[in-house]
Protein backbone atom coordinates (compact mmCIF):
# COMPACT_ATOMS: atom_id res chain seq x y z
CA MET A 1 -58.12 -43.98 63.53
CA ASN A 2 -55.13 -43.07 61.37
CA TRP A 3 -52.55 -40.93 63.18
CA SER A 4 -50.29 -40.57 60.15
CA PRO A 5 -50.04 -37.04 58.78
CA ILE A 6 -49.73 -38.48 55.25
CA GLN A 7 -53.00 -39.91 54.05
CA ASP A 8 -51.74 -41.56 50.80
CA VAL A 9 -49.56 -44.35 52.22
CA VAL A 10 -48.11 -46.90 49.78
CA ASP A 11 -49.32 -50.47 50.40
CA TRP A 12 -46.22 -52.68 50.48
CA GLY A 13 -48.18 -55.93 50.42
CA SER A 14 -48.38 -58.71 52.92
CA VAL A 15 -45.70 -61.06 54.23
CA PRO A 16 -46.97 -64.01 52.11
CA ASP A 17 -46.68 -61.84 48.99
CA TRP A 18 -43.06 -61.06 49.86
CA PHE A 19 -42.24 -64.72 50.48
CA GLY A 20 -43.83 -65.62 47.14
CA ALA A 21 -41.81 -62.98 45.28
CA VAL A 22 -38.53 -64.04 46.91
CA GLY A 23 -39.33 -67.71 46.18
CA SER A 24 -40.04 -66.94 42.52
CA ILE A 25 -36.78 -65.04 42.11
CA ALA A 26 -34.85 -67.82 43.85
CA SER A 27 -36.38 -70.51 41.61
CA VAL A 28 -35.54 -68.56 38.44
CA LEU A 29 -31.97 -68.09 39.67
CA PHE A 30 -31.71 -71.80 40.53
CA VAL A 31 -32.90 -72.81 37.03
CA TYR A 32 -30.49 -70.33 35.41
CA LEU A 33 -27.48 -71.64 37.35
CA GLY A 34 -28.41 -75.26 36.57
CA LEU A 35 -28.77 -74.47 32.87
CA ARG A 36 -25.44 -72.67 32.85
CA ARG A 37 -23.73 -75.66 34.48
CA GLU A 38 -25.30 -78.03 31.94
CA ILE A 39 -24.13 -75.88 29.01
CA ARG A 40 -20.60 -75.80 30.44
CA ALA A 41 -20.60 -79.60 30.91
CA ARG A 42 -21.76 -80.14 27.32
CA ARG A 43 -19.04 -77.83 25.99
CA ASN A 44 -16.41 -79.74 27.98
CA ASP A 45 -17.75 -83.05 26.64
CA ASP A 46 -17.69 -81.69 23.09
CA LEU A 47 -14.11 -80.48 23.55
CA ARG A 48 -13.08 -83.84 24.98
CA VAL A 49 -14.54 -85.65 21.96
CA ARG A 50 -12.96 -83.20 19.50
CA ALA A 51 -9.57 -83.59 21.21
CA THR A 52 -9.49 -87.39 20.81
CA GLN A 53 -7.04 -87.28 17.90
CA ALA A 54 -5.16 -84.25 19.26
CA ARG A 55 -4.23 -86.13 22.44
CA LEU A 56 -2.53 -88.76 20.26
CA VAL A 57 -0.16 -86.25 18.63
CA SER A 58 2.95 -85.32 20.59
CA ALA A 59 6.50 -84.07 20.19
CA VAL A 60 9.68 -84.83 22.12
CA ALA A 61 13.00 -83.01 21.83
CA GLU A 62 16.37 -84.69 22.25
CA ILE A 63 19.55 -82.65 22.60
CA ARG A 64 22.26 -83.64 20.13
CA GLY A 65 25.49 -81.83 20.91
CA THR A 66 25.49 -78.13 21.75
CA SER A 67 23.62 -76.76 18.76
CA VAL A 68 21.28 -79.43 17.35
CA LEU A 69 17.94 -80.77 18.53
CA ARG A 70 16.16 -83.84 17.24
CA VAL A 71 12.42 -83.29 17.54
CA ALA A 72 10.31 -86.41 17.05
CA VAL A 73 6.68 -85.63 16.22
CA ALA A 74 4.56 -88.73 16.79
CA ASN A 75 1.08 -89.18 15.36
CA GLU A 76 -0.33 -92.21 17.18
CA SER A 77 -3.79 -91.78 15.67
CA ASP A 78 -5.08 -93.56 12.58
CA ALA A 79 -5.71 -90.33 10.64
CA PRO A 80 -3.11 -87.87 9.32
CA VAL A 81 -2.40 -84.47 10.85
CA LEU A 82 -1.76 -81.47 8.64
CA ASP A 83 0.11 -78.16 8.73
CA VAL A 84 2.30 -79.10 11.69
CA VAL A 85 4.38 -76.24 13.14
CA VAL A 86 7.14 -77.06 15.64
CA LEU A 87 8.86 -74.42 17.76
CA ALA A 88 11.63 -75.46 20.17
CA ARG A 89 12.02 -73.28 23.26
CA LEU A 90 14.44 -73.41 26.16
CA ALA A 91 13.12 -73.20 29.72
CA PRO A 92 15.48 -70.94 31.70
CA PRO A 93 17.18 -73.13 34.34
CA ASP A 94 17.81 -70.29 36.81
CA ASP A 95 14.28 -68.80 36.78
CA PRO A 96 11.42 -71.31 36.40
CA ASP A 97 8.82 -68.51 36.24
CA ALA A 98 10.50 -66.78 33.30
CA PRO A 99 9.05 -67.37 29.84
CA PRO A 100 10.84 -69.93 27.65
CA VAL A 101 13.31 -68.59 25.08
CA GLY A 102 12.96 -69.46 21.40
CA LEU A 103 15.93 -71.46 20.16
CA ALA A 104 15.34 -71.37 16.40
CA PRO A 105 12.73 -70.39 13.84
CA ALA A 106 9.66 -72.61 13.65
CA LYS A 107 9.81 -75.70 11.45
CA GLN A 108 6.85 -76.79 9.37
CA VAL A 109 5.69 -80.17 8.12
CA ARG A 110 2.83 -80.33 5.65
CA ARG A 111 1.47 -83.79 6.58
CA ILE A 112 2.25 -86.58 9.02
CA PRO A 113 0.40 -89.82 8.24
CA GLY A 114 -1.35 -91.83 10.93
CA ARG A 115 0.77 -94.18 13.03
CA ASP A 116 3.95 -92.40 11.97
CA VAL A 117 6.83 -90.53 13.62
CA HIS A 118 8.44 -87.63 11.79
CA ASP A 119 11.93 -86.50 12.84
CA LEU A 120 12.97 -82.86 12.53
CA PHE A 121 16.47 -81.60 13.15
CA VAL A 122 16.60 -78.08 14.51
CA THR A 123 19.81 -76.07 14.43
CA VAL A 124 19.89 -73.80 17.46
CA ALA A 125 20.74 -70.12 17.04
CA ALA A 126 24.41 -69.27 17.65
CA GLU A 127 23.74 -67.32 20.87
CA HIS A 128 22.36 -70.45 22.55
CA ARG A 129 24.53 -73.37 23.54
CA LEU A 130 22.71 -76.45 24.74
CA ARG A 131 23.74 -78.54 27.71
CA PRO A 132 22.49 -82.04 28.52
CA ALA A 133 20.73 -80.72 31.64
CA ASP A 134 18.68 -78.11 29.71
CA THR A 135 14.92 -78.45 29.51
CA VAL A 136 13.63 -78.00 25.98
CA LEU A 137 9.90 -77.45 25.47
CA VAL A 138 8.28 -78.12 22.13
CA ASP A 139 5.37 -75.96 20.99
CA LEU A 140 3.34 -78.03 18.59
CA THR A 141 0.53 -76.60 16.48
CA PHE A 142 -1.37 -78.75 13.97
CA THR A 143 -4.67 -79.41 12.24
CA ASP A 144 -6.43 -82.70 12.93
CA HIS A 145 -8.34 -84.87 10.44
CA ASP A 146 -11.61 -83.00 11.17
CA GLY A 147 -10.10 -79.58 10.43
CA ASN A 148 -9.70 -78.48 14.06
CA ARG A 149 -6.54 -76.51 14.83
CA TRP A 150 -4.70 -77.45 18.05
CA HIS A 151 -1.80 -76.18 20.14
CA ARG A 152 0.15 -78.28 22.59
CA ILE A 153 3.15 -77.36 24.76
CA GLY A 154 5.35 -80.25 25.78
CA SER A 155 3.26 -83.05 27.23
CA GLY A 156 0.43 -80.71 28.25
CA GLN A 157 -3.14 -81.10 27.14
CA PRO A 158 -3.98 -79.91 23.61
CA GLU A 159 -5.94 -76.69 23.43
CA PRO A 160 -8.03 -75.48 20.50
CA VAL A 161 -6.61 -72.58 18.51
CA GLY A 162 -8.94 -69.73 17.64
């Protein structure tokens, strides 16, 4: 005998139906997360392969006096790099969290052959006086042999541009 005053009661299914539905949703979610992880791993592998030449291009700044920097851009790869842009920046010694300050306009080099070092001399703006203890960072942007554009700060890892 039904004691409920409402005769049209919704049938919510049985416990096995609920377990089956939850299991189906969980398996779809598990497959989605696995696929997402695999796509991310493949992108990282692709980036690592693309960055092979970019990791072999670096720049080092050497302070010469109070107003001149010698920036050596080294291309240790076998292929040339193109459209190289070098920007020297000074890391503030009193505040390590502050952004670096630009010392001079960017310098450009059209092409650096493979296995070559190109020296640039940068004249620092008059308001900046360099000291031997200063930390100079070099922003390096260039195009590799495959046409990929890269940006590298100091000795950090190259990152794709765009």
